[in-house]
Amino acid sequence: MSAAQFDLEALKKVLYSAVLSDVLDDFGLTHQAMLPFVRPLDDSLTMIGYARTGLFMNTYSVREDENPYEVEIALIDDLKPNDIAVLGCDGPTTRIAPWGELLTTASRKRGAVGCVTDGLVRDVRHIRNLEFPVFHGGIGPLDSRGRGKMMARDLPIECAGVTVASGDLVFGDVDGVVVVPQKIAADVIQAALKKVTSENKTREELENGLLLGEVYAKYGVL
């Protein structure tokens, strides 16, 4: 079964970033969780979808004949249902705020389900009202114009310490953001669902009074 055949809405209700990170550790991939400075705008929202990447660079001026948003606009207008914009700004940064209310509105209309950036975000109150999951490297009012520019899209990037390619599975919740490489996403999801079942059994045994050592010996989950 491919990752695309999974019901993402159903997975969002049962998976969590910690269990995905644990399973990726078991697969030998120990650097798939974004650095902890990346935080959700709304702790109550969970995000799962497929990465669409954008690479930003610092800029310090804008030519009169230039559209500094050209590549960024092209990415947003090309988003598909269940896509997540993943924007690498070499963060944490105090200069580049690539995401705000208008990009959120446009992305929602395309069926996208979230944004992750190690740069800044702005228009926070409006984004929260839209209940659109956004994970960010900081909050600030700065426009990216004259400070940062998306130079390329849909190529492998680094965001908050993790290499991300378009099509990778991205999961975010209050604990953080985890990236599952596309080629192993189906295997990771199946292993994560199995681990969730084991953790549920472990929790039940602990609630019934068994010692932690006894439960760990039985299920191998901690």
N, C-alpha and C. Protein backbone atom coordinates (compact mmCIF):
# COMPACT_ATOMS: atom_id res chain seq x y z
N MET A 1 0.85 -1.20 0.00
CA MET A 1 0.00 0.00 0.00
C MET A 1 0.88 1.25 0.00
N SER A 2 0.59 2.21 -0.87
CA SER A 2 1.36 3.44 -0.91
C SER A 2 0.81 4.42 0.11
N ALA A 3 1.64 5.41 0.48
CA ALA A 3 1.20 6.41 1.46
C ALA A 3 -0.01 7.17 0.96
N ALA A 4 -0.11 7.35 -0.37
CA ALA A 4 -1.22 8.11 -0.93
C ALA A 4 -2.55 7.41 -0.74
N GLN A 5 -2.54 6.11 -0.45
CA GLN A 5 -3.77 5.35 -0.27
C GLN A 5 -4.30 5.40 1.16
N PHE A 6 -3.54 5.99 2.06
CA PHE A 6 -4.00 6.11 3.43
C PHE A 6 -5.00 7.25 3.57
N ASP A 7 -5.91 7.11 4.51
CA ASP A 7 -6.86 8.16 4.85
C ASP A 7 -6.18 9.13 5.81
N LEU A 8 -5.74 10.28 5.30
CA LEU A 8 -4.97 11.20 6.13
C LEU A 8 -5.79 11.75 7.29
N GLU A 9 -7.08 11.98 7.06
CA GLU A 9 -7.92 12.48 8.15
C GLU A 9 -8.01 11.46 9.28
N ALA A 10 -8.10 10.19 8.91
CA ALA A 10 -8.13 9.14 9.94
C ALA A 10 -6.79 9.04 10.66
N LEU A 11 -5.69 9.12 9.91
CA LEU A 11 -4.37 9.06 10.53
C LEU A 11 -4.14 10.22 11.48
N LYS A 12 -4.65 11.38 11.12
CA LYS A 12 -4.46 12.57 11.96
C LYS A 12 -5.06 12.38 13.34
N LYS A 13 -6.10 11.54 13.43
CA LYS A 13 -6.77 11.33 14.70
C LYS A 13 -6.06 10.33 15.61
N VAL A 14 -5.19 9.48 15.04
CA VAL A 14 -4.58 8.42 15.85
C VAL A 14 -3.06 8.54 15.98
N LEU A 15 -2.42 9.18 15.01
CA LEU A 15 -0.96 9.30 15.07
C LEU A 15 -0.56 10.56 15.83
N TYR A 16 0.71 10.61 16.21
CA TYR A 16 1.28 11.79 16.83
C TYR A 16 2.76 11.83 16.51
N SER A 17 3.35 13.01 16.63
CA SER A 17 4.71 13.20 16.16
C SER A 17 5.71 12.32 16.89
N ALA A 18 5.49 12.08 18.18
CA ALA A 18 6.44 11.29 18.95
C ALA A 18 6.52 9.85 18.45
N VAL A 19 5.36 9.25 18.15
CA VAL A 19 5.38 7.87 17.69
C VAL A 19 6.02 7.77 16.31
N LEU A 20 5.79 8.74 15.44
CA LEU A 20 6.44 8.73 14.13
C LEU A 20 7.95 8.90 14.28
N SER A 21 8.38 9.76 15.19
CA SER A 21 9.80 9.95 15.42
C SER A 21 10.45 8.66 15.93
N ASP A 22 9.76 7.98 16.84
CA ASP A 22 10.28 6.71 17.37
C ASP A 22 10.43 5.67 16.26
N VAL A 23 9.43 5.57 15.41
CA VAL A 23 9.48 4.59 14.33
C VAL A 23 10.60 4.94 13.35
N LEU A 24 10.75 6.21 13.04
CA LEU A 24 11.84 6.61 12.15
C LEU A 24 13.20 6.30 12.77
N ASP A 25 13.32 6.43 14.08
CA ASP A 25 14.54 6.00 14.77
C ASP A 25 14.80 4.52 14.50
N ASP A 26 13.74 3.72 14.60
CA ASP A 26 13.87 2.28 14.35
C ASP A 26 14.31 1.98 12.91
N PHE A 27 13.95 2.87 12.00
CA PHE A 27 14.36 2.73 10.60
C PHE A 27 15.76 3.27 10.36
N GLY A 28 16.40 3.76 11.41
CA GLY A 28 17.74 4.31 11.29
C GLY A 28 17.79 5.76 10.85
N LEU A 29 16.64 6.42 10.85
CA LEU A 29 16.55 7.82 10.44
C LEU A 29 16.32 8.66 11.69
N THR A 30 17.39 9.18 12.25
CA THR A 30 17.33 9.81 13.56
C THR A 30 17.32 11.34 13.50
N HIS A 31 17.18 11.90 12.30
CA HIS A 31 17.20 13.37 12.16
C HIS A 31 16.00 13.85 11.34
N GLN A 32 14.83 13.29 11.64
CA GLN A 32 13.63 13.63 10.88
C GLN A 32 12.68 14.57 11.62
N ALA A 33 13.00 14.90 12.86
CA ALA A 33 12.19 15.86 13.62
C ALA A 33 12.83 17.24 13.50
N MET A 34 12.02 18.23 13.14
CA MET A 34 12.55 19.58 13.01
C MET A 34 13.00 20.11 14.36
N LEU A 35 13.97 21.01 14.33
CA LEU A 35 14.51 21.58 15.56
C LEU A 35 13.40 22.23 16.38
N PRO A 36 13.53 22.19 17.70
CA PRO A 36 12.38 22.55 18.55
C PRO A 36 12.00 24.01 18.55
N PHE A 37 12.76 24.88 17.88
CA PHE A 37 12.30 26.27 17.80
C PHE A 37 11.10 26.41 16.86
N VAL A 38 10.82 25.41 16.03
CA VAL A 38 9.64 25.44 15.17
C VAL A 38 8.43 25.03 15.99
N ARG A 39 7.47 25.96 16.12
CA ARG A 39 6.32 25.75 16.99
C ARG A 39 5.01 26.04 16.25
N PRO A 40 3.92 25.41 16.68
CA PRO A 40 2.62 25.68 16.05
C PRO A 40 2.05 27.02 16.50
N LEU A 41 1.35 27.69 15.58
CA LEU A 41 0.61 28.89 15.98
C LEU A 41 -0.54 28.52 16.90
N ASP A 42 -1.10 27.34 16.72
CA ASP A 42 -2.23 26.87 17.52
C ASP A 42 -1.92 25.47 18.01
N ASP A 43 -1.69 25.32 19.31
CA ASP A 43 -1.31 24.03 19.88
C ASP A 43 -2.38 22.96 19.69
N SER A 44 -3.61 23.35 19.45
CA SER A 44 -4.70 22.38 19.38
C SER A 44 -4.82 21.73 18.01
N LEU A 45 -4.12 22.25 17.00
CA LEU A 45 -4.27 21.74 15.64
C LEU A 45 -3.19 20.72 15.30
N THR A 46 -3.60 19.68 14.57
CA THR A 46 -2.69 18.67 14.07
C THR A 46 -2.68 18.74 12.55
N MET A 47 -1.52 18.47 11.97
CA MET A 47 -1.33 18.63 10.53
C MET A 47 -0.69 17.39 9.95
N ILE A 48 -1.25 16.89 8.83
CA ILE A 48 -0.62 15.81 8.10
C ILE A 48 -0.89 16.01 6.62
N GLY A 49 0.14 15.87 5.82
CA GLY A 49 -0.01 16.06 4.38
C GLY A 49 1.31 15.87 3.68
N TYR A 50 1.35 16.31 2.42
CA TYR A 50 2.51 16.08 1.57
C TYR A 50 3.25 17.38 1.28
N ALA A 51 4.55 17.35 1.44
CA ALA A 51 5.37 18.55 1.33
C ALA A 51 5.37 19.11 -0.08
N ARG A 52 5.32 20.44 -0.16
CA ARG A 52 5.64 21.19 -1.37
C ARG A 52 6.67 22.22 -0.93
N THR A 53 7.87 22.11 -1.41
CA THR A 53 8.99 22.86 -0.85
C THR A 53 9.24 24.18 -1.58
N GLY A 54 9.72 25.15 -0.81
CA GLY A 54 10.17 26.43 -1.34
C GLY A 54 11.45 26.85 -0.64
N LEU A 55 12.43 27.32 -1.42
CA LEU A 55 13.72 27.71 -0.87
C LEU A 55 13.87 29.23 -0.94
N PHE A 56 14.10 29.84 0.22
CA PHE A 56 14.29 31.29 0.32
C PHE A 56 15.76 31.64 0.50
N MET A 57 16.10 32.83 0.06
CA MET A 57 17.42 33.40 0.35
C MET A 57 17.23 34.83 0.83
N ASN A 58 18.20 35.32 1.58
CA ASN A 58 18.18 36.70 2.02
C ASN A 58 18.39 37.64 0.84
N THR A 59 17.63 38.73 0.82
CA THR A 59 17.84 39.80 -0.15
C THR A 59 17.88 41.13 0.60
N TYR A 60 18.37 42.15 -0.08
CA TYR A 60 18.55 43.45 0.58
C TYR A 60 18.03 44.61 -0.25
N SER A 61 17.40 44.31 -1.38
CA SER A 61 16.81 45.35 -2.22
C SER A 61 15.86 44.68 -3.21
N VAL A 62 15.07 45.50 -3.89
CA VAL A 62 14.15 45.02 -4.91
C VAL A 62 14.26 45.94 -6.13
N ARG A 63 14.49 45.36 -7.31
CA ARG A 63 14.52 46.15 -8.53
C ARG A 63 13.12 46.69 -8.85
N GLU A 64 13.06 47.81 -9.50
CA GLU A 64 11.77 48.40 -9.84
C GLU A 64 10.94 47.51 -10.76
N ASP A 65 11.61 46.77 -11.64
CA ASP A 65 10.91 45.93 -12.61
C ASP A 65 10.73 44.49 -12.12
N GLU A 66 10.99 44.23 -10.85
CA GLU A 66 11.01 42.86 -10.33
C GLU A 66 9.74 42.55 -9.56
N ASN A 67 9.23 41.32 -9.72
CA ASN A 67 8.18 40.79 -8.85
C ASN A 67 8.86 39.84 -7.87
N PRO A 68 9.11 40.27 -6.63
CA PRO A 68 9.86 39.43 -5.69
C PRO A 68 9.07 38.22 -5.20
N TYR A 69 7.78 38.17 -5.52
CA TYR A 69 6.93 37.07 -5.07
C TYR A 69 6.65 36.04 -6.17
N GLU A 70 7.30 36.16 -7.33
CA GLU A 70 6.93 35.36 -8.50
C GLU A 70 6.95 33.86 -8.22
N VAL A 71 8.04 33.34 -7.68
CA VAL A 71 8.16 31.90 -7.46
C VAL A 71 7.22 31.47 -6.33
N GLU A 72 7.09 32.31 -5.32
CA GLU A 72 6.21 32.00 -4.19
C GLU A 72 4.75 31.92 -4.65
N ILE A 73 4.33 32.85 -5.48
CA ILE A 73 2.97 32.84 -6.00
C ILE A 73 2.74 31.57 -6.82
N ALA A 74 3.72 31.21 -7.65
CA ALA A 74 3.59 30.00 -8.47
C ALA A 74 3.42 28.76 -7.61
N LEU A 75 4.14 28.68 -6.50
CA LEU A 75 4.00 27.53 -5.60
C LEU A 75 2.61 27.49 -4.99
N ILE A 76 2.15 28.60 -4.45
CA ILE A 76 0.85 28.63 -3.79
C ILE A 76 -0.26 28.31 -4.78
N ASP A 77 -0.20 28.87 -5.97
CA ASP A 77 -1.25 28.63 -6.96
C ASP A 77 -1.24 27.19 -7.47
N ASP A 78 -0.15 26.46 -7.26
CA ASP A 78 -0.05 25.08 -7.73
C ASP A 78 -0.30 24.06 -6.63
N LEU A 79 -0.64 24.52 -5.43
CA LEU A 79 -0.91 23.59 -4.34
C LEU A 79 -2.12 22.74 -4.65
N LYS A 80 -2.05 21.49 -4.21
CA LYS A 80 -3.13 20.52 -4.41
C LYS A 80 -3.71 20.13 -3.05
N PRO A 81 -4.89 19.49 -3.04
CA PRO A 81 -5.45 19.00 -1.77
C PRO A 81 -4.45 18.12 -1.02
N ASN A 82 -4.37 18.33 0.28
CA ASN A 82 -3.48 17.62 1.20
C ASN A 82 -2.02 18.04 1.10
N ASP A 83 -1.71 19.08 0.33
CA ASP A 83 -0.35 19.61 0.29
C ASP A 83 -0.07 20.47 1.51
N ILE A 84 1.21 20.53 1.87
CA ILE A 84 1.70 21.40 2.94
C ILE A 84 2.88 22.19 2.39
N ALA A 85 2.82 23.50 2.44
CA ALA A 85 3.94 24.33 2.02
C ALA A 85 5.04 24.23 3.08
N VAL A 86 6.24 23.85 2.65
CA VAL A 86 7.39 23.77 3.55
C VAL A 86 8.43 24.75 3.03
N LEU A 87 8.70 25.80 3.79
CA LEU A 87 9.50 26.91 3.32
C LEU A 87 10.79 27.01 4.13
N GLY A 88 11.90 26.77 3.46
CA GLY A 88 13.20 26.83 4.11
C GLY A 88 13.80 28.22 4.00
N CYS A 89 14.07 28.83 5.15
CA CYS A 89 14.60 30.20 5.20
C CYS A 89 15.93 30.27 5.93
N ASP A 90 16.58 29.10 6.12
CA ASP A 90 17.84 29.04 6.87
C ASP A 90 17.66 29.61 8.27
N GLY A 91 16.51 29.28 8.87
CA GLY A 91 16.18 29.83 10.18
C GLY A 91 16.87 29.12 11.33
N PRO A 92 16.73 29.65 12.55
CA PRO A 92 15.86 30.78 12.85
C PRO A 92 16.41 32.09 12.28
N THR A 93 15.50 32.91 11.81
CA THR A 93 15.87 34.16 11.17
C THR A 93 15.06 35.29 11.80
N THR A 94 15.59 36.48 11.76
CA THR A 94 14.86 37.65 12.24
C THR A 94 14.46 38.54 11.07
N ARG A 95 14.65 38.07 9.81
CA ARG A 95 14.43 38.94 8.65
C ARG A 95 13.31 38.48 7.74
N ILE A 96 13.16 37.17 7.54
CA ILE A 96 12.27 36.70 6.50
C ILE A 96 10.97 36.16 7.10
N ALA A 97 9.86 36.81 6.75
CA ALA A 97 8.53 36.33 7.15
C ALA A 97 7.78 35.93 5.88
N PRO A 98 7.93 34.68 5.43
CA PRO A 98 7.35 34.29 4.15
C PRO A 98 5.87 33.96 4.20
N TRP A 99 5.26 33.94 5.39
CA TRP A 99 3.88 33.44 5.48
C TRP A 99 3.00 34.41 6.25
N GLY A 100 1.78 34.61 5.75
CA GLY A 100 0.82 35.47 6.42
C GLY A 100 -0.59 35.08 6.06
N GLU A 101 -1.53 35.99 6.34
CA GLU A 101 -2.96 35.69 6.17
C GLU A 101 -3.33 35.42 4.72
N LEU A 102 -2.83 36.21 3.78
CA LEU A 102 -3.27 36.06 2.38
C LEU A 102 -2.79 34.75 1.78
N LEU A 103 -1.57 34.34 2.09
CA LEU A 103 -1.10 33.04 1.62
C LEU A 103 -1.90 31.92 2.26
N THR A 104 -2.27 32.10 3.52
CA THR A 104 -3.11 31.11 4.19
C THR A 104 -4.45 30.97 3.49
N THR A 105 -5.08 32.09 3.20
CA THR A 105 -6.38 32.08 2.53
C THR A 105 -6.29 31.41 1.17
N ALA A 106 -5.28 31.79 0.39
CA ALA A 106 -5.10 31.20 -0.94
C ALA A 106 -4.84 29.70 -0.86
N SER A 107 -4.04 29.28 0.11
CA SER A 107 -3.68 27.87 0.25
C SER A 107 -4.89 27.03 0.65
N ARG A 108 -5.70 27.55 1.56
CA ARG A 108 -6.92 26.84 1.97
C ARG A 108 -7.84 26.61 0.78
N LYS A 109 -7.96 27.61 -0.07
CA LYS A 109 -8.83 27.48 -1.24
C LYS A 109 -8.31 26.44 -2.23
N ARG A 110 -7.02 26.18 -2.21
CA ARG A 110 -6.45 25.15 -3.09
C ARG A 110 -6.58 23.76 -2.47
N GLY A 111 -6.99 23.69 -1.21
CA GLY A 111 -7.11 22.40 -0.53
C GLY A 111 -5.89 22.03 0.29
N ALA A 112 -4.92 22.93 0.39
CA ALA A 112 -3.74 22.66 1.21
C ALA A 112 -4.13 22.56 2.68
N VAL A 113 -3.30 21.88 3.46
CA VAL A 113 -3.67 21.58 4.84
C VAL A 113 -2.66 22.10 5.86
N GLY A 114 -1.72 22.95 5.45
CA GLY A 114 -0.81 23.50 6.43
C GLY A 114 0.40 24.16 5.81
N CYS A 115 1.20 24.75 6.67
CA CYS A 115 2.47 25.37 6.29
C CYS A 115 3.48 25.13 7.39
N VAL A 116 4.72 24.88 6.98
CA VAL A 116 5.85 24.81 7.92
C VAL A 116 6.95 25.71 7.39
N THR A 117 7.51 26.54 8.25
CA THR A 117 8.66 27.35 7.86
C THR A 117 9.57 27.55 9.05
N ASP A 118 10.87 27.60 8.79
CA ASP A 118 11.80 27.98 9.85
C ASP A 118 12.05 29.48 9.83
N GLY A 119 11.29 30.19 9.00
CA GLY A 119 11.28 31.64 9.02
C GLY A 119 10.17 32.16 9.92
N LEU A 120 9.84 33.44 9.75
CA LEU A 120 8.82 34.09 10.56
C LEU A 120 7.45 34.00 9.90
N VAL A 121 6.42 34.20 10.70
CA VAL A 121 5.06 34.36 10.17
C VAL A 121 4.47 35.65 10.76
N ARG A 122 3.46 36.15 10.07
CA ARG A 122 2.78 37.35 10.56
C ARG A 122 1.27 37.20 10.33
N ASP A 123 0.51 38.21 10.70
CA ASP A 123 -0.96 38.15 10.64
C ASP A 123 -1.49 36.99 11.48
N VAL A 124 -0.89 36.80 12.62
CA VAL A 124 -1.14 35.62 13.44
C VAL A 124 -2.60 35.51 13.87
N ARG A 125 -3.21 36.62 14.30
CA ARG A 125 -4.59 36.56 14.77
C ARG A 125 -5.51 36.06 13.66
N HIS A 126 -5.31 36.54 12.45
CA HIS A 126 -6.17 36.14 11.34
C HIS A 126 -5.95 34.66 10.99
N ILE A 127 -4.71 34.20 11.01
CA ILE A 127 -4.44 32.80 10.69
C ILE A 127 -5.07 31.88 11.72
N ARG A 128 -4.98 32.25 12.98
CA ARG A 128 -5.60 31.43 14.03
C ARG A 128 -7.11 31.37 13.84
N ASN A 129 -7.72 32.46 13.43
CA ASN A 129 -9.16 32.47 13.21
C ASN A 129 -9.56 31.53 12.07
N LEU A 130 -8.65 31.34 11.11
CA LEU A 130 -8.92 30.45 9.99
C LEU A 130 -8.71 28.98 10.35
N GLU A 131 -8.13 28.70 11.52
CA GLU A 131 -7.86 27.33 11.99
C GLU A 131 -7.06 26.53 10.96
N PHE A 132 -6.06 27.19 10.41
CA PHE A 132 -5.17 26.57 9.42
C PHE A 132 -3.84 26.29 10.11
N PRO A 133 -3.39 25.03 10.15
CA PRO A 133 -2.16 24.72 10.88
C PRO A 133 -0.93 25.39 10.25
N VAL A 134 -0.24 26.18 11.05
CA VAL A 134 1.01 26.81 10.62
C VAL A 134 2.05 26.59 11.70
N PHE A 135 3.20 26.07 11.30
CA PHE A 135 4.33 25.85 12.21
C PHE A 135 5.44 26.80 11.78
N HIS A 136 6.01 27.51 12.73
CA HIS A 136 6.85 28.66 12.39
C HIS A 136 8.12 28.70 13.23
N GLY A 137 9.07 29.49 12.76
CA GLY A 137 10.31 29.72 13.49
C GLY A 137 10.32 31.00 14.29
N GLY A 138 9.20 31.71 14.30
CA GLY A 138 9.10 32.97 15.03
C GLY A 138 7.97 33.80 14.46
N ILE A 139 7.63 34.85 15.17
CA ILE A 139 6.54 35.74 14.77
C ILE A 139 7.08 37.16 14.64
N GLY A 140 6.72 37.81 13.53
CA GLY A 140 7.17 39.18 13.32
C GLY A 140 6.35 39.85 12.24
N PRO A 141 6.31 41.18 12.19
CA PRO A 141 5.46 41.89 11.23
C PRO A 141 6.11 42.13 9.88
N LEU A 142 7.34 41.71 9.68
CA LEU A 142 8.10 42.09 8.50
C LEU A 142 7.59 41.43 7.22
N ASP A 143 7.42 42.22 6.17
CA ASP A 143 7.18 41.68 4.84
C ASP A 143 8.49 41.09 4.34
N SER A 144 8.39 39.99 3.55
CA SER A 144 9.60 39.40 2.99
C SER A 144 10.19 40.25 1.87
N ARG A 145 9.40 41.15 1.28
CA ARG A 145 9.87 42.00 0.18
C ARG A 145 11.10 42.79 0.60
N GLY A 146 12.18 42.63 -0.17
CA GLY A 146 13.42 43.33 0.14
C GLY A 146 14.24 42.68 1.24
N ARG A 147 13.73 41.61 1.82
CA ARG A 147 14.45 40.90 2.89
C ARG A 147 14.71 39.44 2.54
N GLY A 148 13.76 38.84 1.81
CA GLY A 148 13.92 37.45 1.42
C GLY A 148 13.12 37.17 0.17
N LYS A 149 13.56 36.17 -0.58
CA LYS A 149 12.90 35.85 -1.84
C LYS A 149 12.96 34.35 -2.07
N MET A 150 11.82 33.74 -2.48
CA MET A 150 11.85 32.34 -2.85
C MET A 150 12.54 32.21 -4.20
N MET A 151 13.62 31.43 -4.20
CA MET A 151 14.44 31.29 -5.39
C MET A 151 14.09 30.06 -6.20
N ALA A 152 13.52 29.05 -5.57
CA ALA A 152 13.21 27.79 -6.26
C ALA A 152 12.12 27.08 -5.48
N ARG A 153 11.40 26.20 -6.17
CA ARG A 153 10.35 25.42 -5.51
C ARG A 153 10.42 23.98 -5.98
N ASP A 154 9.86 23.10 -5.15
CA ASP A 154 9.77 21.68 -5.46
C ASP A 154 11.12 21.03 -5.73
N LEU A 155 12.11 21.41 -4.94
CA LEU A 155 13.39 20.72 -4.93
C LEU A 155 13.75 20.45 -3.48
N PRO A 156 14.64 19.48 -3.22
CA PRO A 156 15.00 19.20 -1.82
C PRO A 156 15.58 20.44 -1.13
N ILE A 157 15.11 20.69 0.08
CA ILE A 157 15.58 21.82 0.86
C ILE A 157 15.91 21.33 2.26
N GLU A 158 16.47 22.22 3.07
CA GLU A 158 16.59 21.97 4.50
C GLU A 158 15.70 22.96 5.22
N CYS A 159 14.88 22.45 6.13
CA CYS A 159 14.02 23.29 6.95
C CYS A 159 14.18 22.87 8.40
N ALA A 160 14.68 23.78 9.20
CA ALA A 160 14.84 23.51 10.64
C ALA A 160 15.61 22.22 10.90
N GLY A 161 16.67 22.00 10.11
CA GLY A 161 17.56 20.87 10.35
C GLY A 161 17.18 19.58 9.69
N VAL A 162 16.08 19.56 8.92
CA VAL A 162 15.61 18.34 8.27
C VAL A 162 15.61 18.54 6.76
N THR A 163 16.12 17.57 6.03
CA THR A 163 16.01 17.59 4.58
C THR A 163 14.60 17.19 4.18
N VAL A 164 13.98 18.01 3.33
CA VAL A 164 12.59 17.78 2.92
C VAL A 164 12.52 17.85 1.40
N ALA A 165 11.83 16.90 0.80
CA ALA A 165 11.57 16.91 -0.63
C ALA A 165 10.07 16.94 -0.87
N SER A 166 9.65 17.56 -1.96
CA SER A 166 8.24 17.56 -2.30
C SER A 166 7.75 16.12 -2.41
N GLY A 167 6.60 15.85 -1.80
CA GLY A 167 6.04 14.50 -1.76
C GLY A 167 6.29 13.78 -0.46
N ASP A 168 7.25 14.24 0.35
CA ASP A 168 7.45 13.64 1.67
C ASP A 168 6.22 13.86 2.53
N LEU A 169 5.99 12.94 3.45
CA LEU A 169 4.87 13.07 4.38
C LEU A 169 5.31 13.93 5.56
N VAL A 170 4.51 14.94 5.87
CA VAL A 170 4.82 15.87 6.96
C VAL A 170 3.72 15.78 8.01
N PHE A 171 4.14 15.62 9.26
CA PHE A 171 3.19 15.53 10.37
C PHE A 171 3.60 16.54 11.43
N GLY A 172 2.63 17.31 11.91
CA GLY A 172 2.92 18.28 12.96
C GLY A 172 1.85 18.30 14.02
N ASP A 173 2.27 18.40 15.27
CA ASP A 173 1.33 18.59 16.38
C ASP A 173 2.04 19.41 17.45
N VAL A 174 1.48 19.45 18.63
CA VAL A 174 2.03 20.32 19.67
C VAL A 174 3.46 19.95 20.05
N ASP A 175 3.88 18.70 19.82
CA ASP A 175 5.24 18.28 20.14
C ASP A 175 6.26 18.68 19.08
N GLY A 176 5.80 18.97 17.87
CA GLY A 176 6.74 19.37 16.83
C GLY A 176 6.37 18.82 15.47
N VAL A 177 7.33 18.91 14.53
CA VAL A 177 7.11 18.50 13.14
C VAL A 177 8.07 17.38 12.79
N VAL A 178 7.54 16.32 12.17
CA VAL A 178 8.33 15.18 11.74
C VAL A 178 8.11 14.99 10.24
N VAL A 179 9.19 14.67 9.53
CA VAL A 179 9.14 14.47 8.08
C VAL A 179 9.46 13.01 7.77
N VAL A 180 8.57 12.35 7.03
CA VAL A 180 8.74 10.96 6.65
C VAL A 180 9.06 10.91 5.16
N PRO A 181 10.25 10.44 4.77
CA PRO A 181 10.59 10.37 3.34
C PRO A 181 9.54 9.59 2.56
N GLN A 182 9.23 10.08 1.38
CA GLN A 182 8.14 9.51 0.58
C GLN A 182 8.33 8.02 0.31
N LYS A 183 9.56 7.61 0.04
CA LYS A 183 9.79 6.23 -0.38
C LYS A 183 9.53 5.21 0.72
N ILE A 184 9.53 5.62 1.98
CA ILE A 184 9.27 4.68 3.07
C ILE A 184 8.03 5.05 3.85
N ALA A 185 7.24 6.00 3.36
CA ALA A 185 6.11 6.51 4.14
C ALA A 185 5.11 5.42 4.48
N ALA A 186 4.78 4.55 3.52
CA ALA A 186 3.79 3.51 3.79
C ALA A 186 4.27 2.57 4.88
N ASP A 187 5.54 2.16 4.84
CA ASP A 187 6.08 1.26 5.86
C ASP A 187 6.11 1.94 7.23
N VAL A 188 6.47 3.22 7.25
CA VAL A 188 6.53 3.95 8.52
C VAL A 188 5.14 4.10 9.12
N ILE A 189 4.15 4.41 8.29
CA ILE A 189 2.79 4.54 8.79
C ILE A 189 2.29 3.23 9.38
N GLN A 190 2.51 2.13 8.69
CA GLN A 190 2.06 0.84 9.20
C GLN A 190 2.74 0.50 10.53
N ALA A 191 4.04 0.77 10.63
CA ALA A 191 4.76 0.51 11.88
C ALA A 191 4.28 1.44 12.99
N ALA A 192 3.97 2.69 12.64
CA ALA A 192 3.49 3.64 13.65
C ALA A 192 2.13 3.23 14.19
N LEU A 193 1.25 2.77 13.31
CA LEU A 193 -0.07 2.32 13.78
C LEU A 193 0.06 1.12 14.72
N LYS A 194 0.98 0.23 14.40
CA LYS A 194 1.22 -0.93 15.28
C LYS A 194 1.75 -0.47 16.63
N LYS A 195 2.64 0.53 16.61
CA LYS A 195 3.21 1.03 17.87
C LYS A 195 2.16 1.75 18.69
N VAL A 196 1.27 2.47 18.04
CA VAL A 196 0.18 3.13 18.77
C VAL A 196 -0.66 2.09 19.51
N THR A 197 -0.96 0.98 18.86
CA THR A 197 -1.72 -0.09 19.51
C THR A 197 -0.98 -0.62 20.74
N SER A 198 0.33 -0.83 20.60
CA SER A 198 1.13 -1.30 21.74
C SER A 198 1.15 -0.29 22.87
N GLU A 199 1.25 1.00 22.53
CA GLU A 199 1.27 2.04 23.55
C GLU A 199 -0.08 2.11 24.27
N ASN A 200 -1.16 1.91 23.53
CA ASN A 200 -2.48 1.91 24.16
C ASN A 200 -2.61 0.76 25.15
N LYS A 201 -2.09 -0.41 24.78
CA LYS A 201 -2.11 -1.55 25.68
C LYS A 201 -1.23 -1.30 26.90
N THR A 202 -0.08 -0.69 26.67
CA THR A 202 0.82 -0.36 27.78
C THR A 202 0.14 0.58 28.76
N ARG A 203 -0.51 1.61 28.24
CA ARG A 203 -1.20 2.57 29.09
C ARG A 203 -2.29 1.89 29.92
N GLU A 204 -3.02 1.01 29.28
CA GLU A 204 -4.09 0.29 29.97
C GLU A 204 -3.53 -0.58 31.10
N GLU A 205 -2.43 -1.27 30.83
CA GLU A 205 -1.80 -2.12 31.86
C GLU A 205 -1.31 -1.26 33.03
N LEU A 206 -0.73 -0.12 32.73
CA LEU A 206 -0.24 0.76 33.81
C LEU A 206 -1.41 1.28 34.64
N GLU A 207 -2.51 1.63 33.96
CA GLU A 207 -3.69 2.09 34.68
C GLU A 207 -4.25 0.98 35.59
N ASN A 208 -4.03 -0.27 35.19
CA ASN A 208 -4.50 -1.40 36.00
C ASN A 208 -3.55 -1.76 37.13
N GLY A 209 -2.42 -1.02 37.22
CA GLY A 209 -1.54 -1.18 38.36
C GLY A 209 -0.28 -1.98 38.15
N LEU A 210 -0.04 -2.49 36.93
CA LEU A 210 1.20 -3.22 36.69
C LEU A 210 2.40 -2.28 36.78
N LEU A 211 3.54 -2.82 37.18
CA LEU A 211 4.76 -2.03 37.26
C LEU A 211 5.27 -1.70 35.86
N LEU A 212 5.94 -0.57 35.76
CA LEU A 212 6.45 -0.13 34.46
C LEU A 212 7.40 -1.16 33.87
N GLY A 213 8.26 -1.75 34.73
CA GLY A 213 9.19 -2.76 34.25
C GLY A 213 8.48 -3.98 33.69
N GLU A 214 7.39 -4.38 34.34
CA GLU A 214 6.62 -5.53 33.86
C GLU A 214 5.98 -5.24 32.51
N VAL A 215 5.45 -4.04 32.38
CA VAL A 215 4.77 -3.68 31.14
C VAL A 215 5.78 -3.53 30.01
N TYR A 216 6.93 -2.96 30.31
CA TYR A 216 7.94 -2.80 29.27
C TYR A 216 8.44 -4.16 28.79
N ALA A 217 8.62 -5.08 29.73
CA ALA A 217 9.06 -6.42 29.35
C ALA A 217 8.02 -7.12 28.46
N LYS A 218 6.76 -6.78 28.66
CA LYS A 218 5.68 -7.41 27.91
C LYS A 218 5.51 -6.83 26.52
N TYR A 219 5.61 -5.47 26.42
CA TYR A 219 5.31 -4.82 25.16
C TYR A 219 6.51 -4.13 24.49
N GLY A 220 7.57 -3.89 25.26
CA GLY A 220 8.75 -3.24 24.70
C GLY A 220 8.51 -1.81 24.28
N VAL A 221 7.58 -1.13 24.92
CA VAL A 221 7.22 0.24 24.57
C VAL A 221 7.37 1.12 25.81
N LEU A 222 7.98 2.29 25.60
CA LEU A 222 8.16 3.23 26.69
C LEU A 222 8.03 4.66 26.17
